[in-house]
Amino acid sequence: RQARHLANVANSALLLLTFPASLRGGLLSGLALHRLLTSAWVSGFGGMLLMRELSIPPVRRWLNQHFHFLSTTSGSTAFLMCAATMALASGPVGVVAGAATLANAWYGA
């Protein structure tokens, strides 16, 4: 259980860093804009994962009320798979985060 918690915290940190790291890629081309938007969503997924792992009571209640699927094993696995797919699609910056998220989802969320 402790190893899973640490894996989720580390994974959320990688996902959160996807957007700031992709800002280095440039803002001017149309493809860069697509990657920036995708990486912003990936960072949002990382934030949700981190909020779930911190277990602050008001945040936990809010997540259970609005995102109940995160409290189930299959729901959190599907969430990680979605985040991993988007991370892999966000360009070269998201490949590491996407691969780590896939491994985390396979490990058991």
PDB file of N, CA and C in Angstrom:
ATOM      1  N   ARG A   1       0.828  -1.202   0.000  1.00  0.00           N
ATOM      2  CA  ARG A   1       0.000   0.000   0.000  1.00  0.00           C
ATOM      3  C   ARG A   1       0.867   1.258   0.000  1.00  0.00           C
ATOM      4  N   GLN A   2       1.919   1.267   0.808  1.00  0.00           N
ATOM      5  CA  GLN A   2       2.810   2.422   0.878  1.00  0.00           C
ATOM      6  C   GLN A   2       3.544   2.630  -0.446  1.00  0.00           C
ATOM      7  N   ALA A   3       3.978   1.535  -1.065  1.00  0.00           N
ATOM      8  CA  ALA A   3       4.676   1.645  -2.349  1.00  0.00           C
ATOM      9  C   ALA A   3       3.744   2.207  -3.421  1.00  0.00           C
ATOM     10  N   ARG A   4       2.491   1.789  -3.407  1.00  0.00           N
ATOM     11  CA  ARG A   4       1.512   2.287  -4.373  1.00  0.00           C
ATOM     12  C   ARG A   4       1.277   3.786  -4.171  1.00  0.00           C
ATOM     13  N   HIS A   5       1.190   4.206  -2.909  1.00  0.00           N
ATOM     14  CA  HIS A   5       1.000   5.623  -2.592  1.00  0.00           C
ATOM     15  C   HIS A   5       2.195   6.447  -3.103  1.00  0.00           C
ATOM     16  N   LEU A   6       3.399   5.978  -2.846  1.00  0.00           N
ATOM     17  CA  LEU A   6       4.588   6.695  -3.316  1.00  0.00           C
ATOM     18  C   LEU A   6       4.655   6.731  -4.840  1.00  0.00           C
ATOM     19  N   ALA A   7       4.266   5.642  -5.482  1.00  0.00           N
ATOM     20  CA  ALA A   7       4.255   5.608  -6.946  1.00  0.00           C
ATOM     21  C   ALA A   7       3.251   6.617  -7.499  1.00  0.00           C
ATOM     22  N   ASN A   8       2.085   6.721  -6.878  1.00  0.00           N
ATOM     23  CA  ASN A   8       1.081   7.675  -7.329  1.00  0.00           C
ATOM     24  C   ASN A   8       1.526   9.120  -7.122  1.00  0.00           C
ATOM     25  N   VAL A   9       2.192   9.399  -6.000  1.00  0.00           N
ATOM     26  CA  VAL A   9       2.681  10.762  -5.744  1.00  0.00           C
ATOM     27  C   VAL A   9       3.763  11.127  -6.762  1.00  0.00           C
ATOM     28  N   ALA A  10       4.703  10.213  -7.001  1.00  0.00           N
ATOM     29  CA  ALA A  10       5.748  10.475  -7.992  1.00  0.00           C
ATOM     30  C   ALA A  10       5.162  10.629  -9.384  1.00  0.00           C
ATOM     31  N   ASN A  11       4.174   9.808  -9.704  1.00  0.00           N
ATOM     32  CA  ASN A  11       3.531   9.879 -11.007  1.00  0.00           C
ATOM     33  C   ASN A  11       2.783  11.200 -11.179  1.00  0.00           C
ATOM     34  N   SER A  12       2.112  11.640 -10.128  1.00  0.00           N
ATOM     35  CA  SER A  12       1.402  12.914 -10.228  1.00  0.00           C
ATOM     36  C   SER A  12       2.382  14.070 -10.416  1.00  0.00           C
ATOM     37  N   ALA A  13       3.556  13.994  -9.792  1.00  0.00           N
ATOM     38  CA  ALA A  13       4.565  15.036  -9.973  1.00  0.00           C
ATOM     39  C   ALA A  13       5.041  15.073 -11.423  1.00  0.00           C
ATOM     40  N   LEU A  14       5.264  13.906 -12.027  1.00  0.00           N
ATOM     41  CA  LEU A  14       5.663  13.860 -13.444  1.00  0.00           C
ATOM     42  C   LEU A  14       4.583  14.450 -14.343  1.00  0.00           C
ATOM     43  N   LEU A  15       3.332  14.092 -14.064  1.00  0.00           N
ATOM     44  CA  LEU A  15       2.244  14.614 -14.887  1.00  0.00           C
ATOM     45  C   LEU A  15       2.096  16.120 -14.717  1.00  0.00           C
ATOM     46  N   LEU A  16       2.257  16.604 -13.486  1.00  0.00           N
ATOM     47  CA  LEU A  16       2.162  18.043 -13.239  1.00  0.00           C
ATOM     48  C   LEU A  16       3.250  18.818 -13.973  1.00  0.00           C
ATOM     49  N   LEU A  17       4.419  18.240 -14.103  1.00  0.00           N
ATOM     50  CA  LEU A  17       5.543  18.929 -14.747  1.00  0.00           C
ATOM     51  C   LEU A  17       5.473  18.919 -16.273  1.00  0.00           C
ATOM     52  N   THR A  18       4.524  18.198 -16.834  1.00  0.00           N
ATOM     53  CA  THR A  18       4.432  18.094 -18.286  1.00  0.00           C
ATOM     54  C   THR A  18       4.147  19.451 -18.929  1.00  0.00           C
ATOM     55  N   PHE A  19       3.229  20.217 -18.362  1.00  0.00           N
ATOM     56  CA  PHE A  19       2.886  21.506 -18.960  1.00  0.00           C
ATOM     57  C   PHE A  19       4.022  22.519 -18.859  1.00  0.00           C
ATOM     58  N   PRO A  20       4.593  22.740 -17.672  1.00  0.00           N
ATOM     59  CA  PRO A  20       5.701  23.703 -17.633  1.00  0.00           C
ATOM     60  C   PRO A  20       6.878  23.299 -18.524  1.00  0.00           C
ATOM     61  N   ALA A  21       7.139  22.004 -18.618  1.00  0.00           N
ATOM     62  CA  ALA A  21       8.250  21.556 -19.469  1.00  0.00           C
ATOM     63  C   ALA A  21       7.935  21.766 -20.947  1.00  0.00           C
ATOM     64  N   SER A  22       6.677  21.633 -21.328  1.00  0.00           N
ATOM     65  CA  SER A  22       6.333  21.814 -22.741  1.00  0.00           C
ATOM     66  C   SER A  22       6.314  23.286 -23.129  1.00  0.00           C
ATOM     67  N   LEU A  23       6.263  24.181 -22.159  1.00  0.00           N
ATOM     68  CA  LEU A  23       6.341  25.607 -22.476  1.00  0.00           C
ATOM     69  C   LEU A  23       7.683  25.967 -23.106  1.00  0.00           C
ATOM     70  N   ARG A  24       8.699  25.201 -22.804  1.00  0.00           N
ATOM     71  CA  ARG A  24      10.016  25.437 -23.392  1.00  0.00           C
ATOM     72  C   ARG A  24      10.024  25.171 -24.886  1.00  0.00           C
ATOM     73  N   GLY A  25       9.073  24.361 -25.364  1.00  0.00           N
ATOM     74  CA  GLY A  25       9.051  23.970 -26.768  1.00  0.00           C
ATOM     75  C   GLY A  25       8.667  25.083 -27.724  1.00  0.00           C
ATOM     76  N   GLY A  26       8.087  26.141 -27.241  1.00  0.00           N
ATOM     77  CA  GLY A  26       7.694  27.248 -28.109  1.00  0.00           C
ATOM     78  C   GLY A  26       6.192  27.397 -28.180  1.00  0.00           C
ATOM     79  N   LEU A  27       5.763  28.604 -28.473  1.00  0.00           N
ATOM     80  CA  LEU A  27       4.340  28.916 -28.464  1.00  0.00           C
ATOM     81  C   LEU A  27       3.805  29.318 -29.836  1.00  0.00           C
ATOM     82  N   LEU A  28       4.642  29.407 -30.851  1.00  0.00           N
ATOM     83  CA  LEU A  28       4.228  30.058 -32.084  1.00  0.00           C
ATOM     84  C   LEU A  28       3.589  29.137 -33.114  1.00  0.00           C
ATOM     85  N   SER A  29       4.011  27.917 -33.224  1.00  0.00           N
ATOM     86  CA  SER A  29       3.461  27.065 -34.282  1.00  0.00           C
ATOM     87  C   SER A  29       2.145  26.429 -33.843  1.00  0.00           C
ATOM     88  N   GLY A  30       1.330  26.048 -34.811  1.00  0.00           N
ATOM     89  CA  GLY A  30       0.038  25.431 -34.516  1.00  0.00           C
ATOM     90  C   GLY A  30       0.180  24.103 -33.806  1.00  0.00           C
ATOM     91  N   LEU A  31       1.202  23.331 -34.176  1.00  0.00           N
ATOM     92  CA  LEU A  31       1.444  22.050 -33.536  1.00  0.00           C
ATOM     93  C   LEU A  31       1.848  22.235 -32.083  1.00  0.00           C
ATOM     94  N   ALA A  32       2.625  23.279 -31.818  1.00  0.00           N
ATOM     95  CA  ALA A  32       3.029  23.546 -30.439  1.00  0.00           C
ATOM     96  C   ALA A  32       1.813  23.906 -29.592  1.00  0.00           C
ATOM     97  N   LEU A  33       0.852  24.628 -30.164  1.00  0.00           N
ATOM     98  CA  LEU A  33      -0.356  24.982 -29.419  1.00  0.00           C
ATOM     99  C   LEU A  33      -1.143  23.720 -29.052  1.00  0.00           C
ATOM    100  N   HIS A  34      -1.249  22.792 -29.982  1.00  0.00           N
ATOM    101  CA  HIS A  34      -1.940  21.531 -29.709  1.00  0.00           C
ATOM    102  C   HIS A  34      -1.248  20.784 -28.568  1.00  0.00           C
ATOM    103  N   ARG A  35       0.075  20.729 -28.622  1.00  0.00           N
ATOM    104  CA  ARG A  35       0.816  20.034 -27.570  1.00  0.00           C
ATOM    105  C   ARG A  35       0.693  20.750 -26.231  1.00  0.00           C
ATOM    106  N   LEU A  36       0.646  22.077 -26.261  1.00  0.00           N
ATOM    107  CA  LEU A  36       0.487  22.833 -25.024  1.00  0.00           C
ATOM    108  C   LEU A  36      -0.874  22.554 -24.380  1.00  0.00           C
ATOM    109  N   LEU A  37      -1.925  22.522 -25.197  1.00  0.00           N
ATOM    110  CA  LEU A  37      -3.253  22.250 -24.652  1.00  0.00           C
ATOM    111  C   LEU A  37      -3.345  20.830 -24.091  1.00  0.00           C
ATOM    112  N   THR A  38      -2.789  19.887 -24.817  1.00  0.00           N
ATOM    113  CA  THR A  38      -2.800  18.506 -24.345  1.00  0.00           C
ATOM    114  C   THR A  38      -2.001  18.369 -23.055  1.00  0.00           C
ATOM    115  N   SER A  39      -0.845  19.005 -22.992  1.00  0.00           N
ATOM    116  CA  SER A  39      -0.037  18.908 -21.777  1.00  0.00           C
ATOM    117  C   SER A  39      -0.689  19.643 -20.609  1.00  0.00           C
ATOM    118  N   ALA A  40      -1.481  20.675 -20.883  1.00  0.00           N
ATOM    119  CA  ALA A  40      -2.221  21.342 -19.804  1.00  0.00           C
ATOM    120  C   ALA A  40      -3.248  20.384 -19.200  1.00  0.00           C
ATOM    121  N   TRP A  41      -3.927  19.618 -20.045  1.00  0.00           N
ATOM    122  CA  TRP A  41      -4.867  18.612 -19.541  1.00  0.00           C
ATOM    123  C   TRP A  41      -4.135  17.540 -18.734  1.00  0.00           C
ATOM    124  N   VAL A  42      -2.986  17.127 -19.230  1.00  0.00           N
ATOM    125  CA  VAL A  42      -2.197  16.111 -18.521  1.00  0.00           C
ATOM    126  C   VAL A  42      -1.801  16.622 -17.137  1.00  0.00           C
ATOM    127  N   SER A  43      -1.396  17.882 -17.068  1.00  0.00           N
ATOM    128  CA  SER A  43      -1.051  18.458 -15.763  1.00  0.00           C
ATOM    129  C   SER A  43      -2.270  18.512 -14.849  1.00  0.00           C
ATOM    130  N   GLY A  44      -3.436  18.787 -15.417  1.00  0.00           N
ATOM    131  CA  GLY A  44      -4.671  18.756 -14.626  1.00  0.00           C
ATOM    132  C   GLY A  44      -4.955  17.371 -14.062  1.00  0.00           C
ATOM    133  N   PHE A  45      -4.726  16.345 -14.887  1.00  0.00           N
ATOM    134  CA  PHE A  45      -4.876  14.974 -14.397  1.00  0.00           C
ATOM    135  C   PHE A  45      -3.889  14.682 -13.265  1.00  0.00           C
ATOM    136  N   GLY A  46      -2.671  15.201 -13.402  1.00  0.00           N
ATOM    137  CA  GLY A  46      -1.675  15.032 -12.346  1.00  0.00           C
ATOM    138  C   GLY A  46      -2.112  15.703 -11.055  1.00  0.00           C
ATOM    139  N   GLY A  47      -2.721  16.874 -11.180  1.00  0.00           N
ATOM    140  CA  GLY A  47      -3.237  17.562  -9.999  1.00  0.00           C
ATOM    141  C   GLY A  47      -4.342  16.783  -9.312  1.00  0.00           C
ATOM    142  N   MET A  48      -5.235  16.186 -10.102  1.00  0.00           N
ATOM    143  CA  MET A  48      -6.304  15.375  -9.509  1.00  0.00           C
ATOM    144  C   MET A  48      -5.730  14.159  -8.796  1.00  0.00           C
ATOM    145  N   LEU A  49      -4.744  13.530  -9.409  1.00  0.00           N
ATOM    146  CA  LEU A  49      -4.121  12.363  -8.788  1.00  0.00           C
ATOM    147  C   LEU A  49      -3.442  12.750  -7.483  1.00  0.00           C
ATOM    148  N   LEU A  50      -2.767  13.895  -7.470  1.00  0.00           N
ATOM    149  CA  LEU A  50      -2.110  14.354  -6.252  1.00  0.00           C
ATOM    150  C   LEU A  50      -3.133  14.696  -5.168  1.00  0.00           C
ATOM    151  N   MET A  51      -4.229  15.337  -5.543  1.00  0.00           N
ATOM    152  CA  MET A  51      -5.279  15.651  -4.558  1.00  0.00           C
ATOM    153  C   MET A  51      -5.839  14.375  -3.937  1.00  0.00           C
ATOM    154  N   ARG A  52      -5.988  13.341  -4.768  1.00  0.00           N
ATOM    155  CA  ARG A  52      -6.497  12.074  -4.234  1.00  0.00           C
ATOM    156  C   ARG A  52      -5.516  11.465  -3.243  1.00  0.00           C
ATOM    157  N   GLU A  53      -4.238  11.561  -3.538  1.00  0.00           N
ATOM    158  CA  GLU A  53      -3.231  10.931  -2.685  1.00  0.00           C
ATOM    159  C   GLU A  53      -2.952  11.704  -1.407  1.00  0.00           C
ATOM    160  N   LEU A  54      -3.189  13.011  -1.383  1.00  0.00           N
ATOM    161  CA  LEU A  54      -2.914  13.792  -0.179  1.00  0.00           C
ATOM    162  C   LEU A  54      -3.897  13.498   0.946  1.00  0.00           C
ATOM    163  N   SER A  55      -5.092  13.080   0.607  1.00  0.00           N
ATOM    164  CA  SER A  55      -6.122  12.691   1.588  1.00  0.00           C
ATOM    165  C   SER A  55      -6.440  13.790   2.600  1.00  0.00           C
ATOM    166  N   ILE A  56      -6.560  15.013   2.145  1.00  0.00           N
ATOM    167  CA  ILE A  56      -7.052  16.097   2.991  1.00  0.00           C
ATOM    168  C   ILE A  56      -8.575  15.945   3.036  1.00  0.00           C
ATOM    169  N   PRO A  57      -9.180  15.847   4.234  1.00  0.00           N
ATOM    170  CA  PRO A  57     -10.607  15.505   4.325  1.00  0.00           C
ATOM    171  C   PRO A  57     -11.552  16.324   3.428  1.00  0.00           C
ATOM    172  N   PRO A  58     -11.500  17.672   3.391  1.00  0.00           N
ATOM    173  CA  PRO A  58     -12.448  18.377   2.516  1.00  0.00           C
ATOM    174  C   PRO A  58     -12.211  18.077   1.033  1.00  0.00           C
ATOM    175  N   VAL A  59     -10.943  17.940   0.661  1.00  0.00           N
ATOM    176  CA  VAL A  59     -10.622  17.634  -0.735  1.00  0.00           C
ATOM    177  C   VAL A  59     -11.082  16.219  -1.070  1.00  0.00           C
ATOM    178  N   ARG A  60     -10.851  15.300  -0.148  1.00  0.00           N
ATOM    179  CA  ARG A  60     -11.268  13.902  -0.348  1.00  0.00           C
ATOM    180  C   ARG A  60     -12.784  13.800  -0.530  1.00  0.00           C
ATOM    181  N   ARG A  61     -13.544  14.549   0.309  1.00  0.00           N
ATOM    182  CA  ARG A  61     -15.013  14.544   0.179  1.00  0.00           C
ATOM    183  C   ARG A  61     -15.432  15.101  -1.176  1.00  0.00           C
ATOM    184  N   TRP A  62     -14.778  16.196  -1.603  1.00  0.00           N
ATOM    185  CA  TRP A  62     -15.129  16.810  -2.885  1.00  0.00           C
ATOM    186  C   TRP A  62     -14.842  15.851  -4.037  1.00  0.00           C
ATOM    187  N   LEU A  63     -13.693  15.182  -3.988  1.00  0.00           N
ATOM    188  CA  LEU A  63     -13.364  14.211  -5.034  1.00  0.00           C
ATOM    189  C   LEU A  63     -14.341  13.048  -5.047  1.00  0.00           C
ATOM    190  N   ASN A  64     -14.718  12.552  -3.875  1.00  0.00           N
ATOM    191  CA  ASN A  64     -15.673  11.440  -3.818  1.00  0.00           C
ATOM    192  C   ASN A  64     -17.048  11.859  -4.322  1.00  0.00           C
ATOM    193  N   GLN A  65     -17.397  13.123  -4.085  1.00  0.00           N
ATOM    194  CA  GLN A  65     -18.700  13.599  -4.537  1.00  0.00           C
ATOM    195  C   GLN A  65     -18.736  13.798  -6.051  1.00  0.00           C
ATOM    196  N   HIS A  66     -17.683  14.369  -6.621  1.00  0.00           N
ATOM    197  CA  HIS A  66     -17.697  14.716  -8.040  1.00  0.00           C
ATOM    198  C   HIS A  66     -16.973  13.721  -8.939  1.00  0.00           C
ATOM    199  N   PHE A  67     -16.024  12.994  -8.397  1.00  0.00           N
ATOM    200  CA  PHE A  67     -15.236  12.041  -9.184  1.00  0.00           C
ATOM    201  C   PHE A  67     -15.165  10.713  -8.436  1.00  0.00           C
ATOM    202  N   HIS A  68     -16.318  10.136  -8.178  1.00  0.00           N
ATOM    203  CA  HIS A  68     -16.387   8.915  -7.369  1.00  0.00           C
ATOM    204  C   HIS A  68     -15.607   7.763  -7.994  1.00  0.00           C
ATOM    205  N   PHE A  69     -15.477   7.764  -9.311  1.00  0.00           N
ATOM    206  CA  PHE A  69     -14.774   6.665  -9.979  1.00  0.00           C
ATOM    207  C   PHE A  69     -13.319   6.556  -9.528  1.00  0.00           C
ATOM    208  N   LEU A  70     -12.737   7.652  -9.018  1.00  0.00           N
ATOM    209  CA  LEU A  70     -11.351   7.599  -8.556  1.00  0.00           C
ATOM    210  C   LEU A  70     -11.176   6.754  -7.304  1.00  0.00           C
ATOM    211  N   SER A  71     -12.270   6.482  -6.603  1.00  0.00           N
ATOM    212  CA  SER A  71     -12.162   5.698  -5.370  1.00  0.00           C
ATOM    213  C   SER A  71     -12.232   4.195  -5.632  1.00  0.00           C
ATOM    214  N   THR A  72     -12.466   3.793  -6.880  1.00  0.00           N
ATOM    215  CA  THR A  72     -12.488   2.372  -7.212  1.00  0.00           C
ATOM    216  C   THR A  72     -11.203   1.996  -7.943  1.00  0.00           C
ATOM    217  N   THR A  73     -10.832   0.755  -7.855  1.00  0.00           N
ATOM    218  CA  THR A  73      -9.612   0.294  -8.521  1.00  0.00           C
ATOM    219  C   THR A  73      -9.736   0.407 -10.027  1.00  0.00           C
ATOM    220  N   SER A  74     -10.861  -0.034 -10.575  1.00  0.00           N
ATOM    221  CA  SER A  74     -11.018   0.033 -12.033  1.00  0.00           C
ATOM    222  C   SER A  74     -11.134   1.482 -12.506  1.00  0.00           C
ATOM    223  N   GLY A  75     -11.764   2.343 -11.730  1.00  0.00           N
ATOM    224  CA  GLY A  75     -11.887   3.745 -12.105  1.00  0.00           C
ATOM    225  C   GLY A  75     -10.555   4.468 -12.097  1.00  0.00           C
ATOM    226  N   SER A  76      -9.747   4.217 -11.070  1.00  0.00           N
ATOM    227  CA  SER A  76      -8.441   4.883 -11.025  1.00  0.00           C
ATOM    228  C   SER A  76      -7.504   4.335 -12.094  1.00  0.00           C
ATOM    229  N   THR A  77      -7.637   3.044 -12.429  1.00  0.00           N
ATOM    230  CA  THR A  77      -6.835   2.485 -13.516  1.00  0.00           C
ATOM    231  C   THR A  77      -7.232   3.112 -14.844  1.00  0.00           C
ATOM    232  N   ALA A  78      -8.529   3.255 -15.092  1.00  0.00           N
ATOM    233  CA  ALA A  78      -8.991   3.895 -16.327  1.00  0.00           C
ATOM    234  C   ALA A  78      -8.544   5.357 -16.381  1.00  0.00           C
ATOM    235  N   PHE A  79      -8.588   6.037 -15.254  1.00  0.00           N
ATOM    236  CA  PHE A  79      -8.127   7.420 -15.176  1.00  0.00           C
ATOM    237  C   PHE A  79      -6.652   7.523 -15.537  1.00  0.00           C
ATOM    238  N   LEU A  80      -5.840   6.625 -14.990  1.00  0.00           N
ATOM    239  CA  LEU A  80      -4.405   6.629 -15.299  1.00  0.00           C
ATOM    240  C   LEU A  80      -4.147   6.286 -16.761  1.00  0.00           C
ATOM    241  N   MET A  81      -4.920   5.374 -17.317  1.00  0.00           N
ATOM    242  CA  MET A  81      -4.747   5.017 -18.727  1.00  0.00           C
ATOM    243  C   MET A  81      -5.088   6.213 -19.623  1.00  0.00           C
ATOM    244  N   CYS A  82      -6.123   6.949 -19.288  1.00  0.00           N
ATOM    245  CA  CYS A  82      -6.488   8.143 -20.045  1.00  0.00           C
ATOM    246  C   CYS A  82      -5.383   9.196 -19.944  1.00  0.00           C
ATOM    247  N   ALA A  83      -4.894   9.416 -18.726  1.00  0.00           N
ATOM    248  CA  ALA A  83      -3.809  10.388 -18.528  1.00  0.00           C
ATOM    249  C   ALA A  83      -2.555   9.961 -19.286  1.00  0.00           C
ATOM    250  N   ALA A  84      -2.250   8.669 -19.280  1.00  0.00           N
ATOM    251  CA  ALA A  84      -1.066   8.174 -19.988  1.00  0.00           C
ATOM    252  C   ALA A  84      -1.200   8.366 -21.488  1.00  0.00           C
ATOM    253  N   THR A  85      -2.364   8.086 -22.030  1.00  0.00           N
ATOM    254  CA  THR A  85      -2.589   8.257 -23.463  1.00  0.00           C
ATOM    255  C   THR A  85      -2.422   9.713 -23.868  1.00  0.00           C
ATOM    256  N   MET A  86      -2.986  10.615 -23.060  1.00  0.00           N
ATOM    257  CA  MET A  86      -2.849  12.034 -23.377  1.00  0.00           C
ATOM    258  C   MET A  86      -1.402  12.497 -23.211  1.00  0.00           C
ATOM    259  N   ALA A  87      -0.707  11.967 -22.210  1.00  0.00           N
ATOM    260  CA  ALA A  87       0.692  12.346 -22.013  1.00  0.00           C
ATOM    261  C   ALA A  87       1.536  11.891 -23.201  1.00  0.00           C
ATOM    262  N   LEU A  88       1.294  10.698 -23.695  1.00  0.00           N
ATOM    263  CA  LEU A  88       2.043  10.203 -24.847  1.00  0.00           C
ATOM    264  C   LEU A  88       1.747  11.030 -26.095  1.00  0.00           C
ATOM    265  N   ALA A  89       0.539  11.574 -26.178  1.00  0.00           N
ATOM    266  CA  ALA A  89       0.164  12.381 -27.334  1.00  0.00           C
ATOM    267  C   ALA A  89       0.630  13.824 -27.225  1.00  0.00           C
ATOM    268  N   SER A  90       1.137  14.216 -26.062  1.00  0.00           N
ATOM    269  CA  SER A  90       1.499  15.621 -25.868  1.00  0.00           C
ATOM    270  C   SER A  90       2.893  15.956 -26.382  1.00  0.00           C
ATOM    271  N   GLY A  91       3.528  15.030 -27.043  1.00  0.00           N
ATOM    272  CA  GLY A  91       4.827  15.315 -27.639  1.00  0.00           C
ATOM    273  C   GLY A  91       5.963  14.669 -26.876  1.00  0.00           C
ATOM    274  N   PRO A  92       7.174  15.022 -27.242  1.00  0.00           N
ATOM    275  CA  PRO A  92       8.346  14.374 -26.648  1.00  0.00           C
ATOM    276  C   PRO A  92       8.452  14.578 -25.143  1.00  0.00           C
ATOM    277  N   VAL A  93       7.949  15.685 -24.648  1.00  0.00           N
ATOM    278  CA  VAL A  93       8.029  15.954 -23.209  1.00  0.00           C
ATOM    279  C   VAL A  93       7.187  14.953 -22.422  1.00  0.00           C
ATOM    280  N   GLY A  94       6.049  14.574 -22.965  1.00  0.00           N
ATOM    281  CA  GLY A  94       5.141  13.700 -22.241  1.00  0.00           C
ATOM    282  C   GLY A  94       5.440  12.220 -22.337  1.00  0.00           C
ATOM    283  N   VAL A  95       6.433  11.835 -23.122  1.00  0.00           N
ATOM    284  CA  VAL A  95       6.716  10.405 -23.309  1.00  0.00           C
ATOM    285  C   VAL A  95       7.143   9.752 -21.998  1.00  0.00           C
ATOM    286  N   VAL A  96       8.006  10.404 -21.253  1.00  0.00           N
ATOM    287  CA  VAL A  96       8.464   9.837 -19.975  1.00  0.00           C
ATOM    288  C   VAL A  96       7.306   9.747 -18.990  1.00  0.00           C
ATOM    289  N   ALA A  97       6.533  10.834 -18.889  1.00  0.00           N
ATOM    290  CA  ALA A  97       5.386  10.826 -17.975  1.00  0.00           C
ATOM    291  C   ALA A  97       4.351   9.796 -18.409  1.00  0.00           C
ATOM    292  N   GLY A  98       4.129   9.679 -19.715  1.00  0.00           N
ATOM    293  CA  GLY A  98       3.161   8.703 -20.216  1.00  0.00           C
ATOM    294  C   GLY A  98       3.594   7.277 -19.946  1.00  0.00           C
ATOM    295  N   ALA A  99       4.867   6.980 -20.164  1.00  0.00           N
ATOM    296  CA  ALA A  99       5.370   5.628 -19.901  1.00  0.00           C
ATOM    297  C   ALA A  99       5.298   5.299 -18.414  1.00  0.00           C
ATOM    298  N   ALA A 100       5.646   6.265 -17.576  1.00  0.00           N
ATOM    299  CA  ALA A 100       5.563   6.037 -16.125  1.00  0.00           C
ATOM    300  C   ALA A 100       4.118   5.849 -15.681  1.00  0.00           C
ATOM    301  N   THR A 101       3.196   6.584 -16.279  1.00  0.00           N
ATOM    302  CA  THR A 101       1.786   6.465 -15.919  1.00  0.00           C
ATOM    303  C   THR A 101       1.222   5.125 -16.382  1.00  0.00           C
ATOM    304  N   LEU A 102       1.634   4.662 -17.552  1.00  0.00           N
ATOM    305  CA  LEU A 102       1.213   3.329 -18.001  1.00  0.00           C
ATOM    306  C   LEU A 102       1.710   2.254 -17.052  1.00  0.00           C
ATOM    307  N   ALA A 103       2.970   2.372 -16.633  1.00  0.00           N
ATOM    308  CA  ALA A 103       3.521   1.399 -15.692  1.00  0.00           C
ATOM    309  C   ALA A 103       2.776   1.459 -14.356  1.00  0.00           C
ATOM    310  N   ASN A 104       2.433   2.651 -13.907  1.00  0.00           N
ATOM    311  CA  ASN A 104       1.686   2.802 -12.669  1.00  0.00           C
ATOM    312  C   ASN A 104       0.289   2.204 -12.782  1.00  0.00           C
ATOM    313  N   ALA A 105      -0.357   2.417 -13.910  1.00  0.00           N
ATOM    314  CA  ALA A 105      -1.681   1.837 -14.111  1.00  0.00           C
ATOM    315  C   ALA A 105      -1.610   0.318 -14.156  1.00  0.00           C
ATOM    316  N   TRP A 106      -0.574  -0.200 -14.767  1.00  0.00           N
ATOM    317  CA  TRP A 106      -0.397  -1.644 -14.848  1.00  0.00           C
ATOM    318  C   TRP A 106      -0.084  -2.227 -13.473  1.00  0.00           C
ATOM    319  N   TYR A 107       0.669  -1.477 -12.692  1.00  0.00           N
ATOM    320  CA  TYR A 107       1.034  -1.921 -11.348  1.00  0.00           C
ATOM    321  C   TYR A 107      -0.189  -2.072 -10.456  1.00  0.00           C
ATOM    322  N   GLY A 108      -1.185  -1.242 -10.663  1.00  0.00           N
ATOM    323  CA  GLY A 108      -2.400  -1.423  -9.889  1.00  0.00           C
ATOM    324  C   GLY A 108      -3.053  -0.168  -9.362  1.00  0.00           C
ATOM    325  N   ALA A 109      -2.609   0.996  -9.827  1.00  0.00           N
ATOM    326  CA  ALA A 109      -3.220   2.277  -9.422  1.00  0.00           C
ATOM    327  C   ALA A 109      -3.312   2.356  -7.937  1.00  0.00           C
TER     328      ALA A 109
END
